[in-house]
N, C-alpha and C. Protein backbone atom coordinates (compact mmCIF):
# COMPACT_ATOMS: atom_id res chain seq x y z
N MET A 1 -71.22 133.28 -97.86
CA MET A 1 -69.77 133.16 -97.78
C MET A 1 -69.17 133.24 -99.19
N ALA A 2 -68.10 133.98 -99.32
CA ALA A 2 -67.47 134.18 -100.62
C ALA A 2 -66.76 132.92 -101.10
N ILE A 3 -66.80 132.70 -102.37
CA ILE A 3 -66.13 131.56 -102.98
C ILE A 3 -64.62 131.65 -102.73
N GLN A 4 -63.99 130.50 -102.66
CA GLN A 4 -62.56 130.43 -102.38
C GLN A 4 -61.86 129.56 -103.43
N THR A 5 -60.56 129.69 -103.49
CA THR A 5 -59.76 128.81 -104.34
C THR A 5 -60.05 127.36 -103.93
N GLY A 6 -60.27 126.52 -104.93
CA GLY A 6 -60.58 125.11 -104.68
C GLY A 6 -62.07 124.80 -104.73
N ASP A 7 -62.91 125.84 -104.64
CA ASP A 7 -64.37 125.64 -104.69
C ASP A 7 -64.84 125.44 -106.13
N LYS A 8 -65.93 124.70 -106.27
CA LYS A 8 -66.59 124.55 -107.56
C LYS A 8 -67.61 125.67 -107.72
N LEU A 9 -67.68 126.23 -108.90
CA LEU A 9 -68.68 127.28 -109.15
C LEU A 9 -70.08 126.69 -109.05
N PRO A 10 -71.02 127.44 -108.49
CA PRO A 10 -72.40 126.95 -108.41
C PRO A 10 -73.09 127.05 -109.77
N GLU A 11 -74.16 126.32 -109.91
CA GLU A 11 -74.95 126.42 -111.13
C GLU A 11 -75.58 127.81 -111.18
N ALA A 12 -75.47 128.42 -112.34
CA ALA A 12 -76.07 129.75 -112.54
C ALA A 12 -76.31 129.94 -114.03
N LYS A 13 -77.11 130.95 -114.34
CA LYS A 13 -77.42 131.27 -115.73
C LYS A 13 -77.00 132.70 -116.02
N PHE A 14 -76.41 132.88 -117.19
CA PHE A 14 -76.04 134.20 -117.69
C PHE A 14 -76.84 134.45 -118.95
N ARG A 15 -76.86 135.69 -119.39
CA ARG A 15 -77.43 136.03 -120.69
C ARG A 15 -76.29 136.55 -121.56
N VAL A 16 -76.28 136.08 -122.81
CA VAL A 16 -75.33 136.59 -123.80
C VAL A 16 -76.12 136.96 -125.04
N MET A 17 -75.65 137.95 -125.75
CA MET A 17 -76.33 138.39 -126.95
C MET A 17 -75.87 137.56 -128.14
N THR A 18 -76.83 137.13 -128.95
CA THR A 18 -76.55 136.42 -130.19
C THR A 18 -77.28 137.14 -131.32
N ALA A 19 -77.10 136.67 -132.53
CA ALA A 19 -77.82 137.26 -133.67
C ALA A 19 -79.33 137.10 -133.51
N GLU A 20 -79.75 136.10 -132.74
CA GLU A 20 -81.17 135.86 -132.50
C GLU A 20 -81.70 136.57 -131.26
N GLY A 21 -80.85 137.34 -130.59
CA GLY A 21 -81.25 138.03 -129.38
C GLY A 21 -80.59 137.41 -128.16
N PRO A 22 -81.01 137.83 -126.95
CA PRO A 22 -80.40 137.29 -125.73
C PRO A 22 -80.66 135.79 -125.59
N GLN A 23 -79.61 135.05 -125.24
CA GLN A 23 -79.70 133.61 -125.02
C GLN A 23 -79.11 133.28 -123.65
N VAL A 24 -79.60 132.21 -123.07
CA VAL A 24 -79.11 131.75 -121.77
C VAL A 24 -77.88 130.87 -121.97
N LYS A 25 -76.87 131.10 -121.15
CA LYS A 25 -75.69 130.24 -121.05
C LYS A 25 -75.54 129.87 -119.58
N THR A 26 -75.33 128.60 -119.32
CA THR A 26 -75.17 128.14 -117.95
C THR A 26 -73.68 128.12 -117.58
N THR A 27 -73.43 127.93 -116.29
CA THR A 27 -72.04 127.80 -115.88
C THR A 27 -71.40 126.60 -116.57
N ASP A 28 -72.13 125.52 -116.77
CA ASP A 28 -71.57 124.37 -117.50
C ASP A 28 -71.21 124.76 -118.93
N ASP A 29 -72.07 125.52 -119.60
CA ASP A 29 -71.78 125.96 -120.97
C ASP A 29 -70.47 126.72 -121.04
N ILE A 30 -70.20 127.54 -120.04
CA ILE A 30 -69.03 128.41 -120.06
C ILE A 30 -67.79 127.70 -119.52
N PHE A 31 -67.92 126.92 -118.46
CA PHE A 31 -66.74 126.44 -117.72
C PHE A 31 -66.43 124.95 -117.83
N LYS A 32 -67.42 124.11 -118.14
CA LYS A 32 -67.20 122.67 -118.12
C LYS A 32 -66.15 122.25 -119.14
N GLY A 33 -65.11 121.55 -118.64
CA GLY A 33 -64.07 121.03 -119.51
C GLY A 33 -63.14 122.08 -120.09
N LYS A 34 -63.19 123.30 -119.56
CA LYS A 34 -62.39 124.39 -120.12
C LYS A 34 -61.56 125.09 -119.05
N LYS A 35 -60.51 125.76 -119.52
CA LYS A 35 -59.74 126.67 -118.67
C LYS A 35 -60.21 128.07 -119.04
N VAL A 36 -60.80 128.76 -118.05
CA VAL A 36 -61.42 130.06 -118.30
C VAL A 36 -60.80 131.14 -117.42
N ALA A 37 -60.45 132.24 -118.04
CA ALA A 37 -60.03 133.44 -117.32
C ALA A 37 -61.29 134.28 -117.16
N LEU A 38 -61.79 134.40 -115.93
CA LEU A 38 -63.02 135.13 -115.65
C LEU A 38 -62.68 136.44 -114.97
N PHE A 39 -63.20 137.53 -115.51
CA PHE A 39 -62.98 138.87 -114.96
C PHE A 39 -64.33 139.46 -114.62
N ALA A 40 -64.49 139.92 -113.37
CA ALA A 40 -65.74 140.54 -112.94
C ALA A 40 -65.50 142.01 -112.68
N VAL A 41 -66.45 142.81 -113.14
CA VAL A 41 -66.37 144.26 -112.98
C VAL A 41 -67.66 144.78 -112.37
N PRO A 42 -67.60 145.89 -111.62
CA PRO A 42 -68.81 146.46 -111.05
C PRO A 42 -69.81 146.97 -112.09
N GLY A 43 -69.34 147.49 -113.22
CA GLY A 43 -70.30 147.99 -114.18
C GLY A 43 -69.72 148.32 -115.54
N ALA A 44 -70.42 147.91 -116.58
CA ALA A 44 -70.03 148.26 -117.94
C ALA A 44 -69.97 149.77 -118.09
N TYR A 45 -68.99 150.22 -118.83
CA TYR A 45 -68.78 151.64 -119.16
C TYR A 45 -68.39 152.51 -117.98
N THR A 46 -68.34 151.99 -116.77
CA THR A 46 -67.93 152.82 -115.64
C THR A 46 -66.43 153.09 -115.77
N GLY A 47 -65.97 154.18 -115.21
CA GLY A 47 -64.62 154.68 -115.44
C GLY A 47 -63.52 153.66 -115.29
N THR A 48 -63.37 153.08 -114.13
CA THR A 48 -62.27 152.14 -113.89
C THR A 48 -62.43 150.89 -114.74
N CYS A 49 -63.65 150.39 -114.85
CA CYS A 49 -63.90 149.17 -115.63
C CYS A 49 -63.55 149.38 -117.10
N HIS A 50 -64.00 150.49 -117.64
CA HIS A 50 -63.87 150.77 -119.06
C HIS A 50 -62.45 151.22 -119.45
N LYS A 51 -61.84 152.05 -118.62
CA LYS A 51 -60.56 152.66 -118.99
C LYS A 51 -59.33 151.93 -118.45
N MET A 52 -59.52 151.07 -117.43
CA MET A 52 -58.38 150.38 -116.84
C MET A 52 -58.49 148.86 -116.89
N HIS A 53 -59.63 148.33 -116.43
CA HIS A 53 -59.73 146.88 -116.31
C HIS A 53 -59.78 146.19 -117.67
N LEU A 54 -60.72 146.60 -118.53
CA LEU A 54 -60.82 145.94 -119.83
C LEU A 54 -59.55 146.06 -120.66
N PRO A 55 -58.91 147.23 -120.74
CA PRO A 55 -57.65 147.28 -121.49
C PRO A 55 -56.60 146.30 -120.97
N SER A 56 -56.53 146.10 -119.65
CA SER A 56 -55.55 145.15 -119.10
C SER A 56 -55.84 143.73 -119.55
N ILE A 57 -57.10 143.44 -119.79
CA ILE A 57 -57.49 142.10 -120.24
C ILE A 57 -57.11 141.92 -121.70
N PHE A 58 -57.51 142.87 -122.54
CA PHE A 58 -57.28 142.73 -123.97
C PHE A 58 -55.81 142.86 -124.36
N LEU A 59 -55.04 143.61 -123.59
CA LEU A 59 -53.60 143.70 -123.85
C LEU A 59 -52.91 142.36 -123.60
N ASN A 60 -53.50 141.52 -122.78
CA ASN A 60 -52.90 140.24 -122.40
C ASN A 60 -53.65 139.03 -122.95
N ALA A 61 -54.65 139.25 -123.78
CA ALA A 61 -55.52 138.17 -124.25
C ALA A 61 -54.75 137.11 -125.05
N TYR A 62 -53.96 137.52 -126.02
CA TYR A 62 -53.22 136.53 -126.82
C TYR A 62 -52.29 135.71 -125.95
N ALA A 63 -51.59 136.37 -125.04
CA ALA A 63 -50.65 135.67 -124.16
C ALA A 63 -51.37 134.69 -123.24
N MET A 64 -52.56 135.07 -122.74
CA MET A 64 -53.33 134.14 -121.89
C MET A 64 -53.74 132.91 -122.69
N LYS A 65 -54.18 133.14 -123.92
CA LYS A 65 -54.60 132.01 -124.76
C LYS A 65 -53.40 131.15 -125.14
N ASP A 66 -52.24 131.77 -125.35
CA ASP A 66 -51.02 131.01 -125.63
C ASP A 66 -50.63 130.12 -124.46
N LYS A 67 -51.04 130.49 -123.25
CA LYS A 67 -50.73 129.71 -122.05
C LYS A 67 -51.85 128.74 -121.67
N GLY A 68 -52.76 128.49 -122.61
CA GLY A 68 -53.75 127.44 -122.40
C GLY A 68 -55.14 127.88 -122.00
N VAL A 69 -55.40 129.18 -121.92
CA VAL A 69 -56.76 129.64 -121.59
C VAL A 69 -57.65 129.43 -122.81
N ASP A 70 -58.75 128.71 -122.61
CA ASP A 70 -59.69 128.45 -123.70
C ASP A 70 -60.63 129.62 -123.93
N THR A 71 -61.06 130.25 -122.84
CA THR A 71 -62.08 131.30 -122.92
C THR A 71 -61.71 132.43 -121.97
N ILE A 72 -61.87 133.65 -122.45
CA ILE A 72 -61.80 134.83 -121.60
C ILE A 72 -63.24 135.30 -121.45
N ALA A 73 -63.70 135.40 -120.21
CA ALA A 73 -65.08 135.80 -119.93
C ALA A 73 -65.09 137.03 -119.03
N ILE A 74 -65.99 137.94 -119.35
CA ILE A 74 -66.15 139.16 -118.56
C ILE A 74 -67.59 139.18 -118.07
N VAL A 75 -67.77 139.29 -116.75
CA VAL A 75 -69.11 139.27 -116.18
C VAL A 75 -69.37 140.57 -115.42
N SER A 76 -70.59 141.05 -115.54
CA SER A 76 -71.01 142.24 -114.83
C SER A 76 -72.50 142.16 -114.55
N VAL A 77 -72.93 142.87 -113.51
CA VAL A 77 -74.35 142.96 -113.19
C VAL A 77 -74.95 144.06 -114.07
N ASN A 78 -75.09 143.71 -115.33
CA ASN A 78 -75.72 144.55 -116.35
C ASN A 78 -76.55 143.61 -117.22
N ASP A 79 -77.43 144.17 -118.03
CA ASP A 79 -78.25 143.34 -118.91
C ASP A 79 -77.48 142.98 -120.18
N ALA A 80 -78.01 142.03 -120.93
CA ALA A 80 -77.34 141.53 -122.14
C ALA A 80 -77.19 142.61 -123.21
N PHE A 81 -78.12 143.56 -123.26
CA PHE A 81 -78.03 144.62 -124.26
C PHE A 81 -76.86 145.56 -123.98
N VAL A 82 -76.68 145.91 -122.71
CA VAL A 82 -75.55 146.76 -122.32
C VAL A 82 -74.24 146.01 -122.52
N MET A 83 -74.20 144.76 -122.12
CA MET A 83 -72.97 143.98 -122.27
C MET A 83 -72.61 143.80 -123.74
N ASN A 84 -73.60 143.63 -124.59
CA ASN A 84 -73.35 143.50 -126.03
C ASN A 84 -72.79 144.80 -126.60
N ALA A 85 -73.34 145.93 -126.19
CA ALA A 85 -72.83 147.22 -126.66
C ALA A 85 -71.40 147.44 -126.16
N TRP A 86 -71.13 147.03 -124.92
CA TRP A 86 -69.79 147.19 -124.36
C TRP A 86 -68.79 146.31 -125.10
N LYS A 87 -69.21 145.10 -125.43
CA LYS A 87 -68.35 144.21 -126.23
C LYS A 87 -68.05 144.86 -127.58
N ARG A 88 -69.09 145.36 -128.23
CA ARG A 88 -68.92 146.01 -129.53
C ARG A 88 -67.92 147.16 -129.45
N ASP A 89 -67.97 147.91 -128.36
CA ASP A 89 -67.14 149.11 -128.22
C ASP A 89 -65.72 148.83 -127.72
N THR A 90 -65.47 147.63 -127.20
CA THR A 90 -64.16 147.38 -126.58
C THR A 90 -63.42 146.16 -127.11
N ASP A 91 -64.13 145.16 -127.55
CA ASP A 91 -63.51 143.87 -127.91
C ASP A 91 -63.34 143.79 -129.43
N GLN A 92 -62.42 144.58 -129.94
CA GLN A 92 -62.25 144.72 -131.38
C GLN A 92 -61.82 143.43 -132.08
N ARG A 93 -61.15 142.52 -131.35
CA ARG A 93 -60.67 141.28 -131.97
C ARG A 93 -61.51 140.06 -131.54
N ASP A 94 -62.67 140.29 -130.93
CA ASP A 94 -63.59 139.22 -130.51
C ASP A 94 -62.86 138.17 -129.67
N GLU A 95 -62.23 138.64 -128.60
CA GLU A 95 -61.42 137.76 -127.76
C GLU A 95 -62.13 137.26 -126.51
N ALA A 96 -63.29 137.82 -126.19
CA ALA A 96 -63.95 137.47 -124.92
C ALA A 96 -65.44 137.27 -125.12
N ILE A 97 -66.01 136.54 -124.17
CA ILE A 97 -67.46 136.43 -124.08
C ILE A 97 -67.89 137.35 -122.94
N PHE A 98 -68.91 138.15 -123.19
CA PHE A 98 -69.42 139.10 -122.20
C PHE A 98 -70.69 138.51 -121.60
N LEU A 99 -70.64 138.21 -120.30
CA LEU A 99 -71.72 137.54 -119.60
C LEU A 99 -72.54 138.54 -118.79
N ALA A 100 -73.82 138.62 -119.08
CA ALA A 100 -74.73 139.49 -118.34
C ALA A 100 -75.29 138.72 -117.15
N ASP A 101 -75.08 139.27 -115.97
CA ASP A 101 -75.62 138.73 -114.72
C ASP A 101 -76.59 139.77 -114.17
N GLY A 102 -77.60 140.08 -114.97
CA GLY A 102 -78.49 141.21 -114.73
C GLY A 102 -79.13 141.27 -113.35
N ASN A 103 -79.48 140.14 -112.79
CA ASN A 103 -80.10 140.11 -111.47
C ASN A 103 -79.10 139.78 -110.36
N ALA A 104 -77.84 139.70 -110.71
CA ALA A 104 -76.76 139.38 -109.77
C ALA A 104 -76.91 137.98 -109.18
N ASP A 105 -77.57 137.07 -109.88
CA ASP A 105 -77.76 135.71 -109.36
C ASP A 105 -76.43 134.99 -109.17
N PHE A 106 -75.57 135.01 -110.18
CA PHE A 106 -74.26 134.38 -110.08
C PHE A 106 -73.41 135.09 -109.03
N THR A 107 -73.41 136.40 -109.09
CA THR A 107 -72.62 137.22 -108.17
C THR A 107 -72.99 136.93 -106.72
N LYS A 108 -74.27 136.86 -106.44
CA LYS A 108 -74.72 136.55 -105.07
C LYS A 108 -74.40 135.10 -104.69
N ALA A 109 -74.53 134.18 -105.64
CA ALA A 109 -74.29 132.76 -105.36
C ALA A 109 -72.84 132.51 -104.96
N ILE A 110 -71.91 133.34 -105.45
CA ILE A 110 -70.51 133.16 -105.08
C ILE A 110 -70.07 134.15 -104.00
N GLY A 111 -71.00 134.92 -103.47
CA GLY A 111 -70.70 135.83 -102.37
C GLY A 111 -69.85 137.03 -102.76
N MET A 112 -70.01 137.50 -103.99
CA MET A 112 -69.20 138.62 -104.48
C MET A 112 -70.02 139.88 -104.75
N GLU A 113 -71.21 139.97 -104.13
CA GLU A 113 -72.03 141.15 -104.36
C GLU A 113 -71.46 142.37 -103.62
N LEU A 114 -71.69 143.52 -104.21
CA LEU A 114 -71.23 144.80 -103.68
C LEU A 114 -72.43 145.73 -103.66
N ASP A 115 -72.78 146.27 -102.52
CA ASP A 115 -73.89 147.20 -102.43
C ASP A 115 -73.39 148.60 -102.74
N ALA A 116 -73.66 149.05 -103.95
CA ALA A 116 -73.23 150.37 -104.40
C ALA A 116 -74.43 151.33 -104.45
N SER A 117 -75.44 151.04 -103.64
CA SER A 117 -76.66 151.86 -103.62
C SER A 117 -76.38 153.31 -103.23
N ALA A 118 -75.41 153.52 -102.37
CA ALA A 118 -75.09 154.89 -101.95
C ALA A 118 -74.66 155.76 -103.12
N ASN A 119 -74.14 155.12 -104.18
CA ASN A 119 -73.72 155.85 -105.38
C ASN A 119 -74.75 155.73 -106.50
N GLY A 120 -75.94 155.21 -106.18
CA GLY A 120 -77.00 155.09 -107.17
C GLY A 120 -76.83 153.93 -108.13
N LEU A 121 -75.98 152.96 -107.79
CA LEU A 121 -75.71 151.85 -108.69
C LEU A 121 -76.36 150.54 -108.28
N GLY A 122 -76.99 150.49 -107.11
CA GLY A 122 -77.65 149.26 -106.66
C GLY A 122 -76.65 148.17 -106.33
N ILE A 123 -77.10 146.92 -106.47
CA ILE A 123 -76.23 145.77 -106.21
C ILE A 123 -75.38 145.51 -107.44
N ARG A 124 -74.10 145.42 -107.23
CA ARG A 124 -73.13 145.17 -108.29
C ARG A 124 -72.22 144.03 -107.88
N SER A 125 -71.21 143.76 -108.68
CA SER A 125 -70.22 142.74 -108.37
C SER A 125 -68.96 143.41 -107.86
N LYS A 126 -68.30 142.74 -106.94
CA LYS A 126 -66.96 143.15 -106.57
C LYS A 126 -66.06 142.94 -107.78
N ARG A 127 -64.93 143.61 -107.80
CA ARG A 127 -63.98 143.47 -108.90
C ARG A 127 -63.01 142.34 -108.55
N TYR A 128 -62.92 141.36 -109.45
CA TYR A 128 -62.01 140.24 -109.23
C TYR A 128 -61.66 139.60 -110.56
N SER A 129 -60.65 138.75 -110.50
CA SER A 129 -60.36 137.84 -111.61
C SER A 129 -60.21 136.45 -111.02
N MET A 130 -60.52 135.47 -111.85
CA MET A 130 -60.42 134.06 -111.44
C MET A 130 -59.86 133.26 -112.60
N LEU A 131 -59.08 132.27 -112.28
CA LEU A 131 -58.75 131.23 -113.22
C LEU A 131 -59.61 130.04 -112.81
N VAL A 132 -60.44 129.57 -113.73
CA VAL A 132 -61.37 128.48 -113.44
C VAL A 132 -61.05 127.33 -114.39
N GLU A 133 -60.81 126.16 -113.84
CA GLU A 133 -60.56 124.97 -114.65
C GLU A 133 -61.65 123.95 -114.40
N ASP A 134 -62.38 123.62 -115.45
CA ASP A 134 -63.48 122.66 -115.38
C ASP A 134 -64.44 122.98 -114.23
N GLY A 135 -64.72 124.27 -114.06
CA GLY A 135 -65.68 124.72 -113.05
C GLY A 135 -65.13 124.91 -111.66
N VAL A 136 -63.83 124.66 -111.46
CA VAL A 136 -63.21 124.78 -110.15
C VAL A 136 -62.27 125.99 -110.13
N VAL A 137 -62.40 126.80 -109.09
CA VAL A 137 -61.57 128.01 -108.97
C VAL A 137 -60.15 127.61 -108.61
N LYS A 138 -59.20 127.97 -109.48
CA LYS A 138 -57.78 127.67 -109.25
C LYS A 138 -57.03 128.88 -108.72
N LYS A 139 -57.41 130.07 -109.17
CA LYS A 139 -56.82 131.33 -108.70
C LYS A 139 -57.95 132.32 -108.49
N LEU A 140 -57.83 133.16 -107.47
CA LEU A 140 -58.83 134.19 -107.20
C LEU A 140 -58.10 135.45 -106.76
N ASN A 141 -58.34 136.53 -107.47
CA ASN A 141 -57.70 137.81 -107.21
C ASN A 141 -58.78 138.86 -106.96
N LEU A 142 -59.05 139.15 -105.70
CA LEU A 142 -60.12 140.06 -105.31
C LEU A 142 -59.54 141.43 -104.96
N GLU A 143 -60.08 142.47 -105.57
CA GLU A 143 -59.64 143.83 -105.27
C GLU A 143 -60.19 144.26 -103.91
N ALA A 144 -59.37 144.93 -103.14
CA ALA A 144 -59.81 145.47 -101.85
C ALA A 144 -60.75 146.65 -102.05
N MET A 145 -60.53 147.43 -103.10
CA MET A 145 -61.35 148.61 -103.42
C MET A 145 -61.89 148.47 -104.83
N PRO A 146 -63.21 148.68 -105.04
CA PRO A 146 -63.77 148.48 -106.38
C PRO A 146 -63.25 149.47 -107.42
N GLY A 147 -62.73 150.60 -107.01
CA GLY A 147 -62.22 151.60 -107.95
C GLY A 147 -60.77 151.41 -108.34
N LYS A 148 -60.19 150.29 -107.96
CA LYS A 148 -58.78 150.00 -108.26
C LYS A 148 -58.66 148.74 -109.11
N VAL A 149 -57.61 148.69 -109.93
CA VAL A 149 -57.25 147.48 -110.67
C VAL A 149 -55.79 147.20 -110.35
N GLU A 150 -55.57 146.63 -109.16
CA GLU A 150 -54.21 146.36 -108.71
C GLU A 150 -53.87 144.88 -108.74
N VAL A 151 -54.87 144.01 -108.51
CA VAL A 151 -54.61 142.57 -108.50
C VAL A 151 -55.55 141.78 -109.42
N SER A 152 -56.53 142.43 -110.02
CA SER A 152 -57.54 141.71 -110.79
C SER A 152 -57.38 141.86 -112.30
N GLY A 153 -56.34 142.52 -112.75
CA GLY A 153 -56.15 142.77 -114.17
C GLY A 153 -55.63 141.57 -114.94
N GLY A 154 -55.63 141.72 -116.24
CA GLY A 154 -55.14 140.67 -117.12
C GLY A 154 -53.68 140.34 -116.90
N ASP A 155 -52.88 141.35 -116.57
CA ASP A 155 -51.45 141.12 -116.35
C ASP A 155 -51.22 140.22 -115.13
N THR A 156 -51.98 140.41 -114.07
CA THR A 156 -51.84 139.57 -112.87
C THR A 156 -52.20 138.13 -113.18
N LEU A 157 -53.34 137.93 -113.83
CA LEU A 157 -53.78 136.56 -114.11
C LEU A 157 -52.81 135.89 -115.08
N LEU A 158 -52.33 136.62 -116.05
CA LEU A 158 -51.33 136.07 -116.99
C LEU A 158 -50.11 135.56 -116.22
N GLY A 159 -49.63 136.33 -115.26
CA GLY A 159 -48.48 135.94 -114.47
C GLY A 159 -48.72 134.71 -113.61
N GLN A 160 -49.98 134.36 -113.39
CA GLN A 160 -50.31 133.18 -112.57
C GLN A 160 -50.49 131.91 -113.41
N LEU A 161 -50.44 132.06 -114.71
CA LEU A 161 -50.65 130.88 -115.59
C LEU A 161 -49.38 130.06 -115.71
């Protein structure tokens, strides 16, 4: 069953790239005691994610932080090396943490998996944004179609703050 507004995020582990290589970050590390704008995309570097979704986040990053967001997090079912390269290529002002959910453990735990096997992409994440406060989902914006950014962009979440 998919996570809903008011639910607490389950315990999960992500990988993030550091100077020492990939490191584990838990949901507590990312969300405990913080207001987090979480954006999920089906895949790093894919057309809609790269050209539409990420720009909507970074165009609104300062304004989100001005409204009390502690962390902007981007999660995808990709490995830490790909997510690190994507951060390098898109996050010029170091405004977000890029979370690798390589095995889709977090994605499956919250019921947001997308079977994109027909397109050769395997299991991915649905496209959504969430406002999470201290591990609890306060806002959830799920796209009806993975190739669209109509309700999950940075502008929508900013308007909900």
